[in-house]
Each structure stands twice: as structure tokens, then as C-alpha cells.
Amino acid sequence: MQTHHIYKRELVQHLCQITDPKEMEAALADLLTPKELEDVVLRLQIIKLLDKKIPQRNIAKKLSISIAKVTHGSRMLQEKPKGKGWQWALGRQQ
């Protein structure tokens, strides 16, 4: 388990070194399956829309996804400590 933490930290460090958006897009395409990348992209949009207080049903319709996916995103936001990982996704700096 500790080894995976080290590997995750190494991945984050490598990704943080990428400054060019096209290079980042290529790196993500190489690291993730198309489905995984689509899920990450949708998760970011769900978070942004939830933060704008858009109703979950409207989000599901707008993104052409199930209400269950939006609800899952909402639960994730509620379970994660406020002010931590989602701040970057919402364009906020601390």
C-alpha cells in the first residue's frame, strides 16, 4: 500500500512538469483509456455545474448522463474535505 502511495506521488510530480496543454492532452491519452478520460472530463463538468447550484437533473440532461452519475459526483464533493482537491477544478487558488 505504501508503495502505491509513492507511485501516485511520482505520477503527480510527472504530470505537474507538463506545462503545454497539447502535451498534457497527449499524456492523459497515453495514460488513460478513452473511457477513463471521458469519465474524468465529465466528472470535472459535474463538479463545476454542481458548484453553480444547477439542479442534478438539469446537469444529467445537459451532459447526457444518468442522474446516478451526477448524484455520485455530488456525494464525492460532500465526502471530500472542503477546500482541498476540488478547489483547482473550480478555478480557485488557495
PDB file of N, CA and C in Angstrom:
ATOM      1  N   MET A   1       0.830  -1.193   0.000  1.00  0.00           N
ATOM      2  CA  MET A   1       0.000   0.000   0.000  1.00  0.00           C
ATOM      3  C   MET A   1       0.870   1.250   0.000  1.00  0.00           C
ATOM      4  N   GLN A   2       1.890   1.276   0.814  1.00  0.00           N
ATOM      5  CA  GLN A   2       2.796   2.420   0.870  1.00  0.00           C
ATOM      6  C   GLN A   2       3.467   2.629  -0.487  1.00  0.00           C
ATOM      7  N   THR A   3       3.799   1.528  -1.175  1.00  0.00           N
ATOM      8  CA  THR A   3       4.435   1.630  -2.481  1.00  0.00           C
ATOM      9  C   THR A   3       3.525   2.338  -3.467  1.00  0.00           C
ATOM     10  N   HIS A   4       2.225   2.025  -3.442  1.00  0.00           N
ATOM     11  CA  HIS A   4       1.288   2.682  -4.351  1.00  0.00           C
ATOM     12  C   HIS A   4       1.216   4.180  -4.077  1.00  0.00           C
ATOM     13  N   HIS A   5       1.331   4.560  -2.827  1.00  0.00           N
ATOM     14  CA  HIS A   5       1.335   5.981  -2.478  1.00  0.00           C
ATOM     15  C   HIS A   5       2.547   6.668  -3.116  1.00  0.00           C
ATOM     16  N   ILE A   6       3.686   6.011  -3.076  1.00  0.00           N
ATOM     17  CA  ILE A   6       4.901   6.556  -3.686  1.00  0.00           C
ATOM     18  C   ILE A   6       4.719   6.670  -5.195  1.00  0.00           C
ATOM     19  N   TYR A   7       4.130   5.652  -5.804  1.00  0.00           N
ATOM     20  CA  TYR A   7       3.900   5.675  -7.253  1.00  0.00           C
ATOM     21  C   TYR A   7       2.929   6.790  -7.637  1.00  0.00           C
ATOM     22  N   LYS A   8       1.902   6.970  -6.820  1.00  0.00           N
ATOM     23  CA  LYS A   8       0.932   8.030  -7.099  1.00  0.00           C
ATOM     24  C   LYS A   8       1.608   9.394  -7.019  1.00  0.00           C
ATOM     25  N   ARG A   9       2.426   9.572  -6.017  1.00  0.00           N
ATOM     26  CA  ARG A   9       3.154  10.840  -5.862  1.00  0.00           C
ATOM     27  C   ARG A   9       4.082  11.080  -7.063  1.00  0.00           C
ATOM     28  N   GLU A  10       4.725  10.011  -7.526  1.00  0.00           N
ATOM     29  CA  GLU A  10       5.605  10.121  -8.694  1.00  0.00           C
ATOM     30  C   GLU A  10       4.808  10.524  -9.936  1.00  0.00           C
ATOM     31  N   LEU A  11       3.635   9.935 -10.116  1.00  0.00           N
ATOM     32  CA  LEU A  11       2.774  10.291 -11.243  1.00  0.00           C
ATOM     33  C   LEU A  11       2.395  11.766 -11.181  1.00  0.00           C
ATOM     34  N   VAL A  12       1.992  12.218 -10.016  1.00  0.00           N
ATOM     35  CA  VAL A  12       1.608  13.622  -9.841  1.00  0.00           C
ATOM     36  C   VAL A  12       2.784  14.535 -10.174  1.00  0.00           C
ATOM     37  N   GLN A  13       3.963  14.183  -9.716  1.00  0.00           N
ATOM     38  CA  GLN A  13       5.143  15.011  -9.998  1.00  0.00           C
ATOM     39  C   GLN A  13       5.418  15.090 -11.498  1.00  0.00           C
ATOM     40  N   HIS A  14       5.281  13.965 -12.190  1.00  0.00           N
ATOM     41  CA  HIS A  14       5.498  13.964 -13.639  1.00  0.00           C
ATOM     42  C   HIS A  14       4.459  14.828 -14.350  1.00  0.00           C
ATOM     43  N   LEU A  15       3.207  14.686 -13.961  1.00  0.00           N
ATOM     44  CA  LEU A  15       2.148  15.471 -14.600  1.00  0.00           C
ATOM     45  C   LEU A  15       2.319  16.966 -14.330  1.00  0.00           C
ATOM     46  N   CYS A  16       2.781  17.310 -13.141  1.00  0.00           N
ATOM     47  CA  CYS A  16       2.978  18.723 -12.804  1.00  0.00           C
ATOM     48  C   CYS A  16       4.087  19.369 -13.633  1.00  0.00           C
ATOM     49  N   GLN A  17       4.967  18.568 -14.184  1.00  0.00           N
ATOM     50  CA  GLN A  17       6.048  19.110 -15.003  1.00  0.00           C
ATOM     51  C   GLN A  17       5.576  19.483 -16.409  1.00  0.00           C
ATOM     52  N   ILE A  18       4.419  19.003 -16.808  1.00  0.00           N
ATOM     53  CA  ILE A  18       3.897  19.289 -18.144  1.00  0.00           C
ATOM     54  C   ILE A  18       3.222  20.659 -18.116  1.00  0.00           C
ATOM     55  N   THR A  19       3.725  21.562 -18.930  1.00  0.00           N
ATOM     56  CA  THR A  19       3.164  22.916 -18.958  1.00  0.00           C
ATOM     57  C   THR A  19       2.395  23.208 -20.245  1.00  0.00           C
ATOM     58  N   ASP A  20       2.617  22.428 -21.275  1.00  0.00           N
ATOM     59  CA  ASP A  20       1.949  22.651 -22.554  1.00  0.00           C
ATOM     60  C   ASP A  20       0.632  21.867 -22.596  1.00  0.00           C
ATOM     61  N   PRO A  21      -0.491  22.536 -22.877  1.00  0.00           N
ATOM     62  CA  PRO A  21      -1.788  21.846 -22.909  1.00  0.00           C
ATOM     63  C   PRO A  21      -1.842  20.672 -23.891  1.00  0.00           C
ATOM     64  N   LYS A  22      -1.198  20.808 -25.048  1.00  0.00           N
ATOM     65  CA  LYS A  22      -1.201  19.704 -26.023  1.00  0.00           C
ATOM     66  C   LYS A  22      -0.423  18.505 -25.498  1.00  0.00           C
ATOM     67  N   GLU A  23       0.685  18.773 -24.810  1.00  0.00           N
ATOM     68  CA  GLU A  23       1.462  17.690 -24.211  1.00  0.00           C
ATOM     69  C   GLU A  23       0.670  17.013 -23.095  1.00  0.00           C
ATOM     70  N   MET A  24      -0.054  17.807 -22.306  1.00  0.00           N
ATOM     71  CA  MET A  24      -0.872  17.226 -21.240  1.00  0.00           C
ATOM     72  C   MET A  24      -1.967  16.351 -21.834  1.00  0.00           C
ATOM     73  N   GLU A  25      -2.601  16.839 -22.883  1.00  0.00           N
ATOM     74  CA  GLU A  25      -3.647  16.054 -23.539  1.00  0.00           C
ATOM     75  C   GLU A  25      -3.086  14.735 -24.060  1.00  0.00           C
ATOM     76  N   ALA A  26      -1.900  14.779 -24.657  1.00  0.00           N
ATOM     77  CA  ALA A  26      -1.259  13.563 -25.155  1.00  0.00           C
ATOM     78  C   ALA A  26      -0.896  12.621 -24.003  1.00  0.00           C
ATOM     79  N   ALA A  27      -0.388  13.182 -22.914  1.00  0.00           N
ATOM     80  CA  ALA A  27      -0.018  12.357 -21.760  1.00  0.00           C
ATOM     81  C   ALA A  27      -1.242  11.661 -21.177  1.00  0.00           C
ATOM     82  N   LEU A  28      -2.335  12.402 -21.027  1.00  0.00           N
ATOM     83  CA  LEU A  28      -3.556  11.801 -20.483  1.00  0.00           C
ATOM     84  C   LEU A  28      -4.103  10.732 -21.416  1.00  0.00           C
ATOM     85  N   ALA A  29      -4.024  10.977 -22.723  1.00  0.00           N
ATOM     86  CA  ALA A  29      -4.494   9.990 -23.698  1.00  0.00           C
ATOM     87  C   ALA A  29      -3.648   8.719 -23.639  1.00  0.00           C
ATOM     88  N   ASP A  30      -2.361   8.868 -23.351  1.00  0.00           N
ATOM     89  CA  ASP A  30      -1.482   7.705 -23.235  1.00  0.00           C
ATOM     90  C   ASP A  30      -1.697   6.952 -21.926  1.00  0.00           C
ATOM     91  N   LEU A  31      -1.992   7.683 -20.857  1.00  0.00           N
ATOM     92  CA  LEU A  31      -2.131   7.072 -19.534  1.00  0.00           C
ATOM     93  C   LEU A  31      -3.491   6.424 -19.303  1.00  0.00           C
ATOM     94  N   LEU A  32      -4.533   7.009 -19.878  1.00  0.00           N
ATOM     95  CA  LEU A  32      -5.897   6.574 -19.598  1.00  0.00           C
ATOM     96  C   LEU A  32      -6.541   5.959 -20.829  1.00  0.00           C
ATOM     97  N   THR A  33      -7.464   5.047 -20.588  1.00  0.00           N
ATOM     98  CA  THR A  33      -8.266   4.544 -21.697  1.00  0.00           C
ATOM     99  C   THR A  33      -9.215   5.661 -22.125  1.00  0.00           C
ATOM    100  N   PRO A  34      -9.755   5.581 -23.331  1.00  0.00           N
ATOM    101  CA  PRO A  34     -10.726   6.607 -23.741  1.00  0.00           C
ATOM    102  C   PRO A  34     -11.891   6.742 -22.756  1.00  0.00           C
ATOM    103  N   LYS A  35     -12.364   5.635 -22.209  1.00  0.00           N
ATOM    104  CA  LYS A  35     -13.470   5.662 -21.248  1.00  0.00           C
ATOM    105  C   LYS A  35     -13.048   6.355 -19.954  1.00  0.00           C
ATOM    106  N   GLU A  36     -11.855   6.044 -19.456  1.00  0.00           N
ATOM    107  CA  GLU A  36     -11.364   6.689 -18.233  1.00  0.00           C
ATOM    108  C   GLU A  36     -11.220   8.191 -18.430  1.00  0.00           C
ATOM    109  N   LEU A  37     -10.687   8.592 -19.577  1.00  0.00           N
ATOM    110  CA  LEU A  37     -10.524  10.016 -19.861  1.00  0.00           C
ATOM    111  C   LEU A  37     -11.881  10.706 -19.949  1.00  0.00           C
ATOM    112  N   GLU A  38     -12.836  10.057 -20.607  1.00  0.00           N
ATOM    113  CA  GLU A  38     -14.191  10.611 -20.697  1.00  0.00           C
ATOM    114  C   GLU A  38     -14.797  10.776 -19.304  1.00  0.00           C
ATOM    115  N   ASP A  39     -14.588   9.790 -18.437  1.00  0.00           N
ATOM    116  CA  ASP A  39     -15.117   9.864 -17.071  1.00  0.00           C
ATOM    117  C   ASP A  39     -14.510  11.035 -16.297  1.00  0.00           C
ATOM    118  N   VAL A  40     -13.214  11.251 -16.441  1.00  0.00           N
ATOM    119  CA  VAL A  40     -12.552  12.358 -15.754  1.00  0.00           C
ATOM    120  C   VAL A  40     -13.074  13.692 -16.278  1.00  0.00           C
ATOM    121  N   VAL A  41     -13.206  13.790 -17.596  1.00  0.00           N
ATOM    122  CA  VAL A  41     -13.718  15.020 -18.214  1.00  0.00           C
ATOM    123  C   VAL A  41     -15.132  15.321 -17.713  1.00  0.00           C
ATOM    124  N   LEU A  42     -15.984  14.306 -17.691  1.00  0.00           N
ATOM    125  CA  LEU A  42     -17.356  14.500 -17.214  1.00  0.00           C
ATOM    126  C   LEU A  42     -17.394  14.848 -15.733  1.00  0.00           C
ATOM    127  N   ARG A  43     -16.542  14.208 -14.939  1.00  0.00           N
ATOM    128  CA  ARG A  43     -16.516  14.486 -13.501  1.00  0.00           C
ATOM    129  C   ARG A  43     -16.196  15.954 -13.241  1.00  0.00           C
ATOM    130  N   LEU A  44     -15.260  16.498 -13.995  1.00  0.00           N
ATOM    131  CA  LEU A  44     -14.918  17.910 -13.838  1.00  0.00           C
ATOM    132  C   LEU A  44     -16.119  18.792 -14.171  1.00  0.00           C
ATOM    133  N   GLN A  45     -16.831  18.469 -15.243  1.00  0.00           N
ATOM    134  CA  GLN A  45     -18.001  19.267 -15.621  1.00  0.00           C
ATOM    135  C   GLN A  45     -19.107  19.154 -14.571  1.00  0.00           C
ATOM    136  N   ILE A  46     -19.299  17.957 -14.041  1.00  0.00           N
ATOM    137  CA  ILE A  46     -20.302  17.747 -12.987  1.00  0.00           C
ATOM    138  C   ILE A  46     -19.977  18.625 -11.781  1.00  0.00           C
ATOM    139  N   ILE A  47     -18.724  18.612 -11.360  1.00  0.00           N
ATOM    140  CA  ILE A  47     -18.296  19.405 -10.204  1.00  0.00           C
ATOM    141  C   ILE A  47     -18.552  20.889 -10.442  1.00  0.00           C
ATOM    142  N   LYS A  48     -18.181  21.368 -11.622  1.00  0.00           N
ATOM    143  CA  LYS A  48     -18.362  22.787 -11.935  1.00  0.00           C
ATOM    144  C   LYS A  48     -19.840  23.175 -11.931  1.00  0.00           C
ATOM    145  N   LEU A  49     -20.689  22.327 -12.495  1.00  0.00           N
ATOM    146  CA  LEU A  49     -22.118  22.639 -12.552  1.00  0.00           C
ATOM    147  C   LEU A  49     -22.771  22.531 -11.175  1.00  0.00           C
ATOM    148  N   LEU A  50     -22.364  21.540 -10.385  1.00  0.00           N
ATOM    149  CA  LEU A  50     -22.891  21.428  -9.024  1.00  0.00           C
ATOM    150  C   LEU A  50     -22.510  22.656  -8.202  1.00  0.00           C
ATOM    151  N   ASP A  51     -21.296  23.134  -8.384  1.00  0.00           N
ATOM    152  CA  ASP A  51     -20.843  24.317  -7.649  1.00  0.00           C
ATOM    153  C   ASP A  51     -21.668  25.552  -8.013  1.00  0.00           C
ATOM    154  N   LYS A  52     -22.206  25.573  -9.226  1.00  0.00           N
ATOM    155  CA  LYS A  52     -23.068  26.687  -9.663  1.00  0.00           C
ATOM    156  C   LYS A  52     -24.515  26.493  -9.212  1.00  0.00           C
ATOM    157  N   LYS A  53     -24.734  25.442  -8.404  1.00  0.00           N
ATOM    158  CA  LYS A  53     -26.064  25.143  -7.846  1.00  0.00           C
ATOM    159  C   LYS A  53     -27.087  24.759  -8.925  1.00  0.00           C
ATOM    160  N   ILE A  54     -26.606  24.187 -10.017  1.00  0.00           N
ATOM    161  CA  ILE A  54     -27.504  23.701 -11.070  1.00  0.00           C
ATOM    162  C   ILE A  54     -28.131  22.407 -10.552  1.00  0.00           C
ATOM    163  N   PRO A  55     -29.437  22.238 -10.690  1.00  0.00           N
ATOM    164  CA  PRO A  55     -30.083  21.006 -10.228  1.00  0.00           C
ATOM    165  C   PRO A  55     -29.492  19.766 -10.915  1.00  0.00           C
ATOM    166  N   GLN A  56     -29.421  18.690 -10.148  1.00  0.00           N
ATOM    167  CA  GLN A  56     -28.810  17.463 -10.652  1.00  0.00           C
ATOM    168  C   GLN A  56     -29.481  16.953 -11.925  1.00  0.00           C
ATOM    169  N   ARG A  57     -30.788  17.017 -11.997  1.00  0.00           N
ATOM    170  CA  ARG A  57     -31.489  16.547 -13.200  1.00  0.00           C
ATOM    171  C   ARG A  57     -31.107  17.381 -14.426  1.00  0.00           C
ATOM    172  N   ASN A  58     -30.938  18.674 -14.237  1.00  0.00           N
ATOM    173  CA  ASN A  58     -30.521  19.540 -15.345  1.00  0.00           C
ATOM    174  C   ASN A  58     -29.106  19.200 -15.807  1.00  0.00           C
ATOM    175  N   ILE A  59     -28.243  18.892 -14.847  1.00  0.00           N
ATOM    176  CA  ILE A  59     -26.866  18.507 -15.179  1.00  0.00           C
ATOM    177  C   ILE A  59     -26.871  17.218 -15.985  1.00  0.00           C
ATOM    178  N   ALA A  60     -27.645  16.242 -15.530  1.00  0.00           N
ATOM    179  CA  ALA A  60     -27.721  14.962 -16.234  1.00  0.00           C
ATOM    180  C   ALA A  60     -28.188  15.170 -17.674  1.00  0.00           C
ATOM    181  N   LYS A  61     -29.185  16.000 -17.838  1.00  0.00           N
ATOM    182  CA  LYS A  61     -29.711  16.261 -19.181  1.00  0.00           C
ATOM    183  C   LYS A  61     -28.678  16.991 -20.032  1.00  0.00           C
ATOM    184  N   LYS A  62     -28.066  18.023 -19.479  1.00  0.00           N
ATOM    185  CA  LYS A  62     -27.081  18.830 -20.215  1.00  0.00           C
ATOM    186  C   LYS A  62     -25.900  17.989 -20.686  1.00  0.00           C
ATOM    187  N   LEU A  63     -25.422  17.082 -19.827  1.00  0.00           N
ATOM    188  CA  LEU A  63     -24.245  16.272 -20.143  1.00  0.00           C
ATOM    189  C   LEU A  63     -24.599  14.921 -20.767  1.00  0.00           C
ATOM    190  N   SER A  64     -25.891  14.651 -20.922  1.00  0.00           N
ATOM    191  CA  SER A  64     -26.367  13.371 -21.484  1.00  0.00           C
ATOM    192  C   SER A  64     -25.823  12.181 -20.697  1.00  0.00           C
ATOM    193  N   ILE A  65     -25.976  12.271 -19.377  1.00  0.00           N
ATOM    194  CA  ILE A  65     -25.533  11.194 -18.495  1.00  0.00           C
ATOM    195  C   ILE A  65     -26.668  10.846 -17.539  1.00  0.00           C
ATOM    196  N   SER A  66     -26.495   9.750 -16.816  1.00  0.00           N
ATOM    197  CA  SER A  66     -27.529   9.330 -15.876  1.00  0.00           C
ATOM    198  C   SER A  66     -27.502  10.214 -14.633  1.00  0.00           C
ATOM    199  N   ILE A  67     -28.652  10.320 -13.999  1.00  0.00           N
ATOM    200  CA  ILE A  67     -28.752  11.068 -12.745  1.00  0.00           C
ATOM    201  C   ILE A  67     -27.863  10.417 -11.679  1.00  0.00           C
ATOM    202  N   ALA A  68     -27.675   9.098 -11.776  1.00  0.00           N
ATOM    203  CA  ALA A  68     -26.836   8.384 -10.809  1.00  0.00           C
ATOM    204  C   ALA A  68     -25.392   8.891 -10.849  1.00  0.00           C
ATOM    205  N   LYS A  69     -24.880   9.182 -12.045  1.00  0.00           N
ATOM    206  CA  LYS A  69     -23.511   9.711 -12.143  1.00  0.00           C
ATOM    207  C   LYS A  69     -23.404  11.079 -11.486  1.00  0.00           C
ATOM    208  N   VAL A  70     -24.425  11.900 -11.674  1.00  0.00           N
ATOM    209  CA  VAL A  70     -24.408  13.233 -11.069  1.00  0.00           C
ATOM    210  C   VAL A  70     -24.503  13.110  -9.554  1.00  0.00           C
ATOM    211  N   THR A  71     -25.372  12.229  -9.083  1.00  0.00           N
ATOM    212  CA  THR A  71     -25.524  12.011  -7.644  1.00  0.00           C
ATOM    213  C   THR A  71     -24.219  11.514  -7.047  1.00  0.00           C
ATOM    214  N   HIS A  72     -23.538  10.627  -7.760  1.00  0.00           N
ATOM    215  CA  HIS A  72     -22.241  10.129  -7.296  1.00  0.00           C
ATOM    216  C   HIS A  72     -21.249  11.288  -7.172  1.00  0.00           C
ATOM    217  N   GLY A  73     -21.231  12.166  -8.158  1.00  0.00           N
ATOM    218  CA  GLY A  73     -20.352  13.337  -8.097  1.00  0.00           C
ATOM    219  C   GLY A  73     -20.693  14.237  -6.931  1.00  0.00           C
ATOM    220  N   SER A  74     -21.979  14.393  -6.678  1.00  0.00           N
ATOM    221  CA  SER A  74     -22.431  15.224  -5.562  1.00  0.00           C
ATOM    222  C   SER A  74     -21.975  14.630  -4.233  1.00  0.00           C
ATOM    223  N   ARG A  75     -22.114  13.318  -4.099  1.00  0.00           N
ATOM    224  CA  ARG A  75     -21.674  12.647  -2.870  1.00  0.00           C
ATOM    225  C   ARG A  75     -20.169  12.784  -2.680  1.00  0.00           C
ATOM    226  N   MET A  76     -19.428  12.649  -3.774  1.00  0.00           N
ATOM    227  CA  MET A  76     -17.968  12.788  -3.681  1.00  0.00           C
ATOM    228  C   MET A  76     -17.594  14.171  -3.169  1.00  0.00           C
ATOM    229  N   LEU A  77     -18.269  15.185  -3.663  1.00  0.00           N
ATOM    230  CA  LEU A  77     -17.993  16.551  -3.207  1.00  0.00           C
ATOM    231  C   LEU A  77     -18.284  16.709  -1.722  1.00  0.00           C
ATOM    232  N   GLN A  78     -19.357  16.078  -1.264  1.00  0.00           N
ATOM    233  CA  GLN A  78     -19.744  16.191   0.141  1.00  0.00           C
ATOM    234  C   GLN A  78     -18.800  15.424   1.051  1.00  0.00           C
ATOM    235  N   GLU A  79     -18.250  14.304   0.546  1.00  0.00           N
ATOM    236  CA  GLU A  79     -17.382  13.462   1.370  1.00  0.00           C
ATOM    237  C   GLU A  79     -15.957  13.996   1.452  1.00  0.00           C
ATOM    238  N   LYS A  80     -15.499  14.673   0.422  1.00  0.00           N
ATOM    239  CA  LYS A  80     -14.125  15.185   0.412  1.00  0.00           C
ATOM    240  C   LYS A  80     -14.045  16.424   1.298  1.00  0.00           C
ATOM    241  N   PRO A  81     -12.911  16.596   1.979  1.00  0.00           N
ATOM    242  CA  PRO A  81     -12.767  17.797   2.807  1.00  0.00           C
ATOM    243  C   PRO A  81     -12.874  19.058   1.952  1.00  0.00           C
ATOM    244  N   LYS A  82     -13.648  19.996   2.423  1.00  0.00           N
ATOM    245  CA  LYS A  82     -13.808  21.266   1.701  1.00  0.00           C
ATOM    246  C   LYS A  82     -12.462  21.982   1.631  1.00  0.00           C
ATOM    247  N   GLY A  83     -12.241  22.661   0.510  1.00  0.00           N
ATOM    248  CA  GLY A  83     -11.024  23.441   0.361  1.00  0.00           C
ATOM    249  C   GLY A  83      -9.817  22.639  -0.064  1.00  0.00           C
ATOM    250  N   LYS A  84     -10.003  21.371  -0.389  1.00  0.00           N
ATOM    251  CA  LYS A  84      -8.853  20.546  -0.758  1.00  0.00           C
ATOM    252  C   LYS A  84      -8.812  20.332  -2.268  1.00  0.00           C
ATOM    253  N   GLY A  85      -8.972  19.109  -2.700  1.00  0.00           N
ATOM    254  CA  GLY A  85      -8.749  18.734  -4.090  1.00  0.00           C
ATOM    255  C   GLY A  85      -9.653  19.351  -5.125  1.00  0.00           C
ATOM    256  N   TRP A  86     -10.840  19.781  -4.728  1.00  0.00           N
ATOM    257  CA  TRP A  86     -11.767  20.297  -5.740  1.00  0.00           C
ATOM    258  C   TRP A  86     -11.546  21.761  -6.046  1.00  0.00           C
ATOM    259  N   GLN A  87     -10.742  22.437  -5.269  1.00  0.00           N
ATOM    260  CA  GLN A  87     -10.545  23.867  -5.499  1.00  0.00           C
ATOM    261  C   GLN A  87      -9.937  24.151  -6.870  1.00  0.00           C
ATOM    262  N   TRP A  88      -8.984  23.334  -7.283  1.00  0.00           N
ATOM    263  CA  TRP A  88      -8.380  23.545  -8.605  1.00  0.00           C
ATOM    264  C   TRP A  88      -9.407  23.364  -9.701  1.00  0.00           C
ATOM    265  N   ALA A  89     -10.293  22.384  -9.527  1.00  0.00           N
ATOM    266  CA  ALA A  89     -11.308  22.099 -10.545  1.00  0.00           C
ATOM    267  C   ALA A  89     -12.285  23.253 -10.689  1.00  0.00           C
ATOM    268  N   LEU A  90     -12.471  23.983  -9.628  1.00  0.00           N
ATOM    269  CA  LEU A  90     -13.408  25.103  -9.643  1.00  0.00           C
ATOM    270  C   LEU A  90     -12.709  26.421  -9.963  1.00  0.00           C
ATOM    271  N   GLY A  91     -11.416  26.329 -10.300  1.00  0.00           N
ATOM    272  CA  GLY A  91     -10.678  27.522 -10.689  1.00  0.00           C
ATOM    273  C   GLY A  91     -10.317  28.425  -9.535  1.00  0.00           C
ATOM    274  N   ARG A  92     -10.248  27.840  -8.353  1.00  0.00           N
ATOM    275  CA  ARG A  92      -9.936  28.639  -7.160  1.00  0.00           C
ATOM    276  C   ARG A  92      -8.530  28.333  -6.695  1.00  0.00           C
ATOM    277  N   GLN A  93      -7.836  29.345  -6.278  1.00  0.00           N
ATOM    278  CA  GLN A  93      -6.491  29.186  -5.727  1.00  0.00           C
ATOM    279  C   GLN A  93      -6.550  29.426  -4.229  1.00  0.00           C
ATOM    280  N   GLN A  94      -5.732  28.696  -3.497  1.00  0.00           N
ATOM    281  CA  GLN A  94      -5.664  28.916  -2.048  1.00  0.00           C
ATOM    282  C   GLN A  94      -4.322  29.459  -1.672  1.00  0.00           C
TER     283      GLN A  94
END
